[in-house]
Amino acid sequence: MLTFKNFNIADWFSFYRIAAAPFLLIILWLGEREVFTSFLLVSYCTDMIDGFLARRLKITSARGSQLDSFGDQITFAVGLIGVLIYEYDFVKANSFFILLVLAIYILQMIIAFFKYGKATAFHTYLAKLSAIAQGVFILWLLFFGPIYWLFYVMIVLGLLETIEEIGLIFMYDNWVAGVKGIYWAIRDKRRLKKTK
């Protein structure tokens, strides 16, 4: 049975992102763009902090990886809703690229749920780089307006990261957390280990 003491400090940063999502939606509903963007910035910062703390304090766990991934997904979703509301013209003008990345991401999620019964938590280097690009672009867009070269970098990284995740799903028969990328997966003992 899980109790509060079973969770570590990194987990609580992930919980913050999850708990902050409904409040961010309320701020959106109230039309407070600057307040929304400022609190979204805080949520993105906690994403950097929880992973750093987990590695630094050697408190990484499968549960923590799942919490972190869920916190990332919900923060990204809320950020997208904010972009859709406050930068609708930009979204409309660039809908092809946005829908392309979202469609491949949804496909990856479907494959993961079909195979593992839950979302992946590989946390690859590409995923981290893609998340940084997404966070920087979304925040810059909401604070100052669009930078198109950063938008295209975000799109390319998002596509590459999602394609890599799909490849990793097919490489691992069982759910695992903490895979740096396909190069490392090839030599990963968890993948090479025969299940009895």
C-alpha atoms as a PDB file:
ATOM      1  CA  MET A   1       0.000   0.000   0.000  1.00  0.00           C
ATOM      2  CA  LEU A   2       1.376   3.419  -0.984  1.00  0.00           C
ATOM      3  CA  THR A   3       1.499   6.193   1.604  1.00  0.00           C
ATOM      4  CA  PHE A   4       2.895   9.717   1.488  1.00  0.00           C
ATOM      5  CA  LYS A   5       6.234   8.565   2.906  1.00  0.00           C
ATOM      6  CA  ASN A   6       6.690   6.200  -0.049  1.00  0.00           C
ATOM      7  CA  PHE A   7       7.186   9.188  -2.369  1.00  0.00           C
ATOM      8  CA  ASN A   8      10.476  11.046  -2.620  1.00  0.00           C
ATOM      9  CA  ILE A   9      11.206  14.717  -3.297  1.00  0.00           C
ATOM     10  CA  ALA A  10      11.490  14.177  -7.070  1.00  0.00           C
ATOM     11  CA  ASP A  11       8.041  12.545  -7.091  1.00  0.00           C
ATOM     12  CA  TRP A  12       6.549  15.583  -5.353  1.00  0.00           C
ATOM     13  CA  PHE A  13       7.817  17.886  -8.099  1.00  0.00           C
ATOM     14  CA  SER A  14       6.028  15.640 -10.590  1.00  0.00           C
ATOM     15  CA  PHE A  15       2.895  15.769  -8.426  1.00  0.00           C
ATOM     16  CA  TYR A  16       3.106  19.561  -8.521  1.00  0.00           C
ATOM     17  CA  ARG A  17       2.912  19.570 -12.328  1.00  0.00           C
ATOM     18  CA  ILE A  18      -0.090  17.241 -12.262  1.00  0.00           C
ATOM     19  CA  ALA A  19      -1.882  19.222  -9.536  1.00  0.00           C
ATOM     20  CA  ALA A  20      -1.095  22.550 -11.231  1.00  0.00           C
ATOM     21  CA  ALA A  21      -2.858  21.563 -14.473  1.00  0.00           C
ATOM     22  CA  PRO A  22      -6.468  22.267 -13.351  1.00  0.00           C
ATOM     23  CA  PHE A  23      -5.408  25.605 -11.854  1.00  0.00           C
ATOM     24  CA  LEU A  24      -3.694  26.524 -15.114  1.00  0.00           C
ATOM     25  CA  LEU A  25      -6.927  25.700 -16.944  1.00  0.00           C
ATOM     26  CA  ILE A  26      -8.875  27.960 -14.554  1.00  0.00           C
ATOM     27  CA  ILE A  27      -6.392  30.783 -15.213  1.00  0.00           C
ATOM     28  CA  LEU A  28      -6.889  30.171 -18.950  1.00  0.00           C
ATOM     29  CA  TRP A  29     -10.657  30.379 -18.514  1.00  0.00           C
ATOM     30  CA  LEU A  30     -10.215  33.694 -16.669  1.00  0.00           C
ATOM     31  CA  GLY A  31      -8.210  34.995 -19.645  1.00  0.00           C
ATOM     32  CA  GLU A  32      -5.099  35.894 -17.647  1.00  0.00           C
ATOM     33  CA  ARG A  33      -2.453  35.250 -20.308  1.00  0.00           C
ATOM     34  CA  GLU A  34       0.590  36.554 -18.390  1.00  0.00           C
ATOM     35  CA  VAL A  35      -0.369  34.747 -15.180  1.00  0.00           C
ATOM     36  CA  PHE A  36      -0.995  31.530 -17.123  1.00  0.00           C
ATOM     37  CA  THR A  37       2.344  31.765 -18.924  1.00  0.00           C
ATOM     38  CA  SER A  38       4.223  32.523 -15.697  1.00  0.00           C
ATOM     39  CA  PHE A  39       2.766  29.493 -13.913  1.00  0.00           C
ATOM     40  CA  LEU A  40       3.372  27.362 -16.998  1.00  0.00           C
ATOM     41  CA  LEU A  41       7.024  28.435 -16.764  1.00  0.00           C
ATOM     42  CA  VAL A  42       7.082  27.198 -13.146  1.00  0.00           C
ATOM     43  CA  SER A  43       5.671  23.834 -14.243  1.00  0.00           C
ATOM     44  CA  TYR A  44       8.324  23.494 -16.944  1.00  0.00           C
ATOM     45  CA  CYS A  45      11.024  24.337 -14.384  1.00  0.00           C
ATOM     46  CA  THR A  46       9.814  21.580 -12.038  1.00  0.00           C
ATOM     47  CA  ASP A  47      10.242  19.157 -14.943  1.00  0.00           C
ATOM     48  CA  MET A  48      13.957  19.971 -15.049  1.00  0.00           C
ATOM     49  CA  ILE A  49      14.273  19.856 -11.263  1.00  0.00           C
ATOM     50  CA  ASP A  50      12.648  16.445 -10.603  1.00  0.00           C
ATOM     51  CA  GLY A  51      14.823  14.555 -13.084  1.00  0.00           C
ATOM     52  CA  PHE A  52      17.980  16.265 -11.828  1.00  0.00           C
ATOM     53  CA  LEU A  53      17.133  15.468  -8.196  1.00  0.00           C
ATOM     54  CA  ALA A  54      16.250  11.842  -8.957  1.00  0.00           C
ATOM     55  CA  ARG A  55      19.601  11.268 -10.669  1.00  0.00           C
ATOM     56  CA  ARG A  56      21.646  13.334  -8.218  1.00  0.00           C
ATOM     57  CA  LEU A  57      20.137  11.701  -5.116  1.00  0.00           C
ATOM     58  CA  LYS A  58      20.026   8.250  -6.784  1.00  0.00           C
ATOM     59  CA  ILE A  59      16.287   7.925  -6.134  1.00  0.00           C
ATOM     60  CA  THR A  60      15.196   6.976  -9.642  1.00  0.00           C
ATOM     61  CA  SER A  61      12.392   4.414  -9.872  1.00  0.00           C
ATOM     62  CA  ALA A  62       9.898   3.032 -12.378  1.00  0.00           C
ATOM     63  CA  ARG A  63       7.085   4.778 -10.464  1.00  0.00           C
ATOM     64  CA  GLY A  64       8.998   8.058 -10.544  1.00  0.00           C
ATOM     65  CA  SER A  65       9.599   7.719 -14.284  1.00  0.00           C
ATOM     66  CA  GLN A  66       5.874   7.174 -14.878  1.00  0.00           C
ATOM     67  CA  LEU A  67       4.938  10.152 -12.675  1.00  0.00           C
ATOM     68  CA  ASP A  68       7.463  12.324 -14.478  1.00  0.00           C
ATOM     69  CA  SER A  69       6.168  11.250 -17.888  1.00  0.00           C
ATOM     70  CA  PHE A  70       2.550  11.870 -16.885  1.00  0.00           C
ATOM     71  CA  GLY A  71       3.463  15.275 -15.466  1.00  0.00           C
ATOM     72  CA  ASP A  72       5.261  16.102 -18.730  1.00  0.00           C
ATOM     73  CA  GLN A  73       2.302  15.016 -20.852  1.00  0.00           C
ATOM     74  CA  ILE A  74      -0.288  16.943 -18.870  1.00  0.00           C
ATOM     75  CA  THR A  75       1.879  20.094 -18.775  1.00  0.00           C
ATOM     76  CA  PHE A  76       2.459  19.878 -22.524  1.00  0.00           C
ATOM     77  CA  ALA A  77      -1.285  19.385 -23.119  1.00  0.00           C
ATOM     78  CA  VAL A  78      -2.159  22.436 -21.012  1.00  0.00           C
ATOM     79  CA  GLY A  79       0.533  24.435 -22.823  1.00  0.00           C
ATOM     80  CA  LEU A  80      -0.972  23.438 -26.163  1.00  0.00           C
ATOM     81  CA  ILE A  81      -4.430  24.506 -25.005  1.00  0.00           C
ATOM     82  CA  GLY A  82      -2.954  27.869 -24.013  1.00  0.00           C
ATOM     83  CA  VAL A  83      -1.306  28.233 -27.427  1.00  0.00           C
ATOM     84  CA  LEU A  84      -4.571  27.280 -29.136  1.00  0.00           C
ATOM     85  CA  ILE A  85      -6.484  29.918 -27.172  1.00  0.00           C
ATOM     86  CA  TYR A  86      -3.977  32.761 -27.238  1.00  0.00           C
ATOM     87  CA  GLU A  87      -2.213  32.110 -30.569  1.00  0.00           C
ATOM     88  CA  TYR A  88      -5.017  30.620 -32.672  1.00  0.00           C
ATOM     89  CA  ASP A  89      -3.897  32.360 -35.870  1.00  0.00           C
ATOM     90  CA  PHE A  90      -0.404  30.885 -35.514  1.00  0.00           C
ATOM     91  CA  VAL A  91      -1.834  27.399 -34.889  1.00  0.00           C
ATOM     92  CA  LYS A  92      -4.167  27.702 -37.879  1.00  0.00           C
ATOM     93  CA  ALA A  93      -1.363  28.870 -40.172  1.00  0.00           C
ATOM     94  CA  ASN A  94       0.900  25.990 -39.090  1.00  0.00           C
ATOM     95  CA  SER A  95      -1.731  23.310 -38.495  1.00  0.00           C
ATOM     96  CA  PHE A  96      -0.193  20.801 -40.928  1.00  0.00           C
ATOM     97  CA  PHE A  97       3.077  20.492 -38.992  1.00  0.00           C
ATOM     98  CA  ILE A  98       1.367  20.572 -35.600  1.00  0.00           C
ATOM     99  CA  LEU A  99      -1.157  17.881 -36.569  1.00  0.00           C
ATOM    100  CA  LEU A 100       1.592  15.744 -38.142  1.00  0.00           C
ATOM    101  CA  VAL A 101       3.589  15.649 -34.907  1.00  0.00           C
ATOM    102  CA  LEU A 102       0.453  15.078 -32.799  1.00  0.00           C
ATOM    103  CA  ALA A 103      -0.752  12.242 -35.069  1.00  0.00           C
ATOM    104  CA  ILE A 104       2.564  10.374 -34.820  1.00  0.00           C
ATOM    105  CA  TYR A 105       2.655  11.001 -31.059  1.00  0.00           C
ATOM    106  CA  ILE A 106      -0.872   9.593 -30.657  1.00  0.00           C
ATOM    107  CA  LEU A 107       0.164   6.574 -32.746  1.00  0.00           C
ATOM    108  CA  GLN A 108       3.134   6.029 -30.437  1.00  0.00           C
ATOM    109  CA  MET A 109       0.857   6.214 -27.380  1.00  0.00           C
ATOM    110  CA  ILE A 110      -1.578   3.702 -28.903  1.00  0.00           C
ATOM    111  CA  ILE A 111       1.240   1.255 -29.693  1.00  0.00           C
ATOM    112  CA  ALA A 112       2.617   1.628 -26.139  1.00  0.00           C
ATOM    113  CA  PHE A 113      -0.766   1.058 -24.487  1.00  0.00           C
ATOM    114  CA  PHE A 114      -1.444  -1.916 -26.769  1.00  0.00           C
ATOM    115  CA  LYS A 115       1.921  -3.506 -25.927  1.00  0.00           C
ATOM    116  CA  TYR A 116       2.542  -2.462 -22.301  1.00  0.00           C
ATOM    117  CA  GLY A 117      -0.856  -1.305 -21.044  1.00  0.00           C
ATOM    118  CA  LYS A 118       0.632   2.105 -20.188  1.00  0.00           C
ATOM    119  CA  ALA A 119       2.645   4.973 -21.625  1.00  0.00           C
ATOM    120  CA  THR A 120       6.376   4.676 -22.155  1.00  0.00           C
ATOM    121  CA  ALA A 121       8.910   6.341 -19.858  1.00  0.00           C
ATOM    122  CA  PHE A 122      12.125   5.824 -21.803  1.00  0.00           C
ATOM    123  CA  HIS A 123      13.363   9.387 -21.132  1.00  0.00           C
ATOM    124  CA  THR A 124      15.773   9.297 -24.059  1.00  0.00           C
ATOM    125  CA  TYR A 125      18.230  12.070 -24.807  1.00  0.00           C
ATOM    126  CA  LEU A 126      16.132  12.994 -27.848  1.00  0.00           C
ATOM    127  CA  ALA A 127      12.997  13.157 -25.670  1.00  0.00           C
ATOM    128  CA  LYS A 128      14.727  15.509 -23.240  1.00  0.00           C
ATOM    129  CA  LEU A 129      16.020  17.695 -26.060  1.00  0.00           C
ATOM    130  CA  SER A 130      12.570  17.722 -27.681  1.00  0.00           C
ATOM    131  CA  ALA A 131      10.900  18.637 -24.374  1.00  0.00           C
ATOM    132  CA  ILE A 132      13.315  21.553 -23.893  1.00  0.00           C
ATOM    133  CA  ALA A 133      12.627  22.809 -27.421  1.00  0.00           C
ATOM    134  CA  GLN A 134       8.862  22.489 -26.896  1.00  0.00           C
ATOM    135  CA  GLY A 135       8.962  24.274 -23.557  1.00  0.00           C
ATOM    136  CA  VAL A 136      11.161  27.117 -24.818  1.00  0.00           C
ATOM    137  CA  PHE A 137       9.062  27.587 -27.950  1.00  0.00           C
ATOM    138  CA  ILE A 138       5.689  27.496 -26.181  1.00  0.00           C
ATOM    139  CA  LEU A 139       6.827  29.896 -23.459  1.00  0.00           C
ATOM    140  CA  TRP A 140       8.484  32.275 -25.937  1.00  0.00           C
ATOM    141  CA  LEU A 141       5.393  32.189 -28.140  1.00  0.00           C
ATOM    142  CA  LEU A 142       3.111  33.016 -25.212  1.00  0.00           C
ATOM    143  CA  PHE A 143       5.382  35.701 -23.765  1.00  0.00           C
ATOM    144  CA  PHE A 144       6.684  37.372 -26.930  1.00  0.00           C
ATOM    145  CA  GLY A 145       5.311  35.785 -30.109  1.00  0.00           C
ATOM    146  CA  PRO A 146       6.551  33.161 -32.602  1.00  0.00           C
ATOM    147  CA  ILE A 147      10.122  32.439 -33.668  1.00  0.00           C
ATOM    148  CA  TYR A 148       9.784  30.315 -36.773  1.00  0.00           C
ATOM    149  CA  TRP A 149      13.231  28.702 -36.815  1.00  0.00           C
ATOM    150  CA  LEU A 150      12.626  27.505 -33.241  1.00  0.00           C
ATOM    151  CA  PHE A 151       9.204  26.211 -34.275  1.00  0.00           C
ATOM    152  CA  TYR A 152      10.759  24.096 -37.049  1.00  0.00           C
ATOM    153  CA  VAL A 153      13.494  22.812 -34.708  1.00  0.00           C
ATOM    154  CA  MET A 154      10.760  21.799 -32.259  1.00  0.00           C
ATOM    155  CA  ILE A 155       8.807  20.013 -35.010  1.00  0.00           C
ATOM    156  CA  VAL A 156      11.848  18.094 -36.304  1.00  0.00           C
ATOM    157  CA  LEU A 157      12.943  17.057 -32.797  1.00  0.00           C
ATOM    158  CA  GLY A 158       9.386  16.017 -31.944  1.00  0.00           C
ATOM    159  CA  LEU A 159       9.176  13.817 -35.035  1.00  0.00           C
ATOM    160  CA  LEU A 160      12.603  12.233 -34.485  1.00  0.00           C
ATOM    161  CA  GLU A 161      11.929  11.622 -30.797  1.00  0.00           C
ATOM    162  CA  THR A 162       8.541  10.014 -31.415  1.00  0.00           C
ATOM    163  CA  ILE A 163       9.882   7.792 -34.214  1.00  0.00           C
ATOM    164  CA  GLU A 164      12.714   6.709 -31.892  1.00  0.00           C
ATOM    165  CA  GLU A 165      10.183   5.898 -29.137  1.00  0.00           C
ATOM    166  CA  ILE A 166       8.185   3.731 -31.551  1.00  0.00           C
ATOM    167  CA  GLY A 167      11.409   1.911 -32.477  1.00  0.00           C
ATOM    168  CA  LEU A 168      12.206   1.342 -28.798  1.00  0.00           C
ATOM    169  CA  ILE A 169       8.737  -0.060 -28.142  1.00  0.00           C
ATOM    170  CA  PHE A 170       9.403  -2.732 -30.757  1.00  0.00           C
ATOM    171  CA  MET A 171      12.862  -3.415 -29.282  1.00  0.00           C
ATOM    172  CA  TYR A 172      11.627  -4.068 -25.728  1.00  0.00           C
ATOM    173  CA  ASP A 173       9.169  -6.878 -25.030  1.00  0.00           C
ATOM    174  CA  ASN A 174       8.587  -5.596 -21.486  1.00  0.00           C
ATOM    175  CA  TRP A 175       8.075  -2.057 -20.184  1.00  0.00           C
ATOM    176  CA  VAL A 176      11.309  -0.424 -19.017  1.00  0.00           C
ATOM    177  CA  ALA A 177      12.302   3.056 -17.907  1.00  0.00           C
ATOM    178  CA  GLY A 178      15.449   5.031 -18.482  1.00  0.00           C
ATOM    179  CA  VAL A 179      16.676   4.179 -21.989  1.00  0.00           C
ATOM    180  CA  LYS A 180      19.021   6.833 -23.407  1.00  0.00           C
ATOM    181  CA  GLY A 181      18.237   6.006 -27.034  1.00  0.00           C
ATOM    182  CA  ILE A 182      18.386   3.298 -29.697  1.00  0.00           C
ATOM    183  CA  TYR A 183      22.213   3.167 -29.634  1.00  0.00           C
ATOM    184  CA  TRP A 184      22.146   2.311 -25.934  1.00  0.00           C
ATOM    185  CA  ALA A 185      19.133   0.018 -26.280  1.00  0.00           C
ATOM    186  CA  ILE A 186      21.055  -2.252 -28.659  1.00  0.00           C
ATOM    187  CA  ARG A 187      23.422  -3.158 -25.795  1.00  0.00           C
ATOM    188  CA  ASP A 188      20.903  -2.937 -22.963  1.00  0.00           C
ATOM    189  CA  LYS A 189      20.953  -6.100 -20.828  1.00  0.00           C
ATOM    190  CA  ARG A 190      17.268  -5.654 -20.018  1.00  0.00           C
ATOM    191  CA  ARG A 191      16.479  -6.060 -23.697  1.00  0.00           C
ATOM    192  CA  LEU A 192      18.970  -8.850 -24.279  1.00  0.00           C
ATOM    193  CA  LYS A 193      17.885 -10.808 -21.200  1.00  0.00           C
ATOM    194  CA  LYS A 194      15.709 -13.756 -22.165  1.00  0.00           C
ATOM    195  CA  THR A 195      12.454 -13.945 -20.282  1.00  0.00           C
ATOM    196  CA  LYS A 196      11.543 -17.386 -19.013  1.00  0.00           C
END
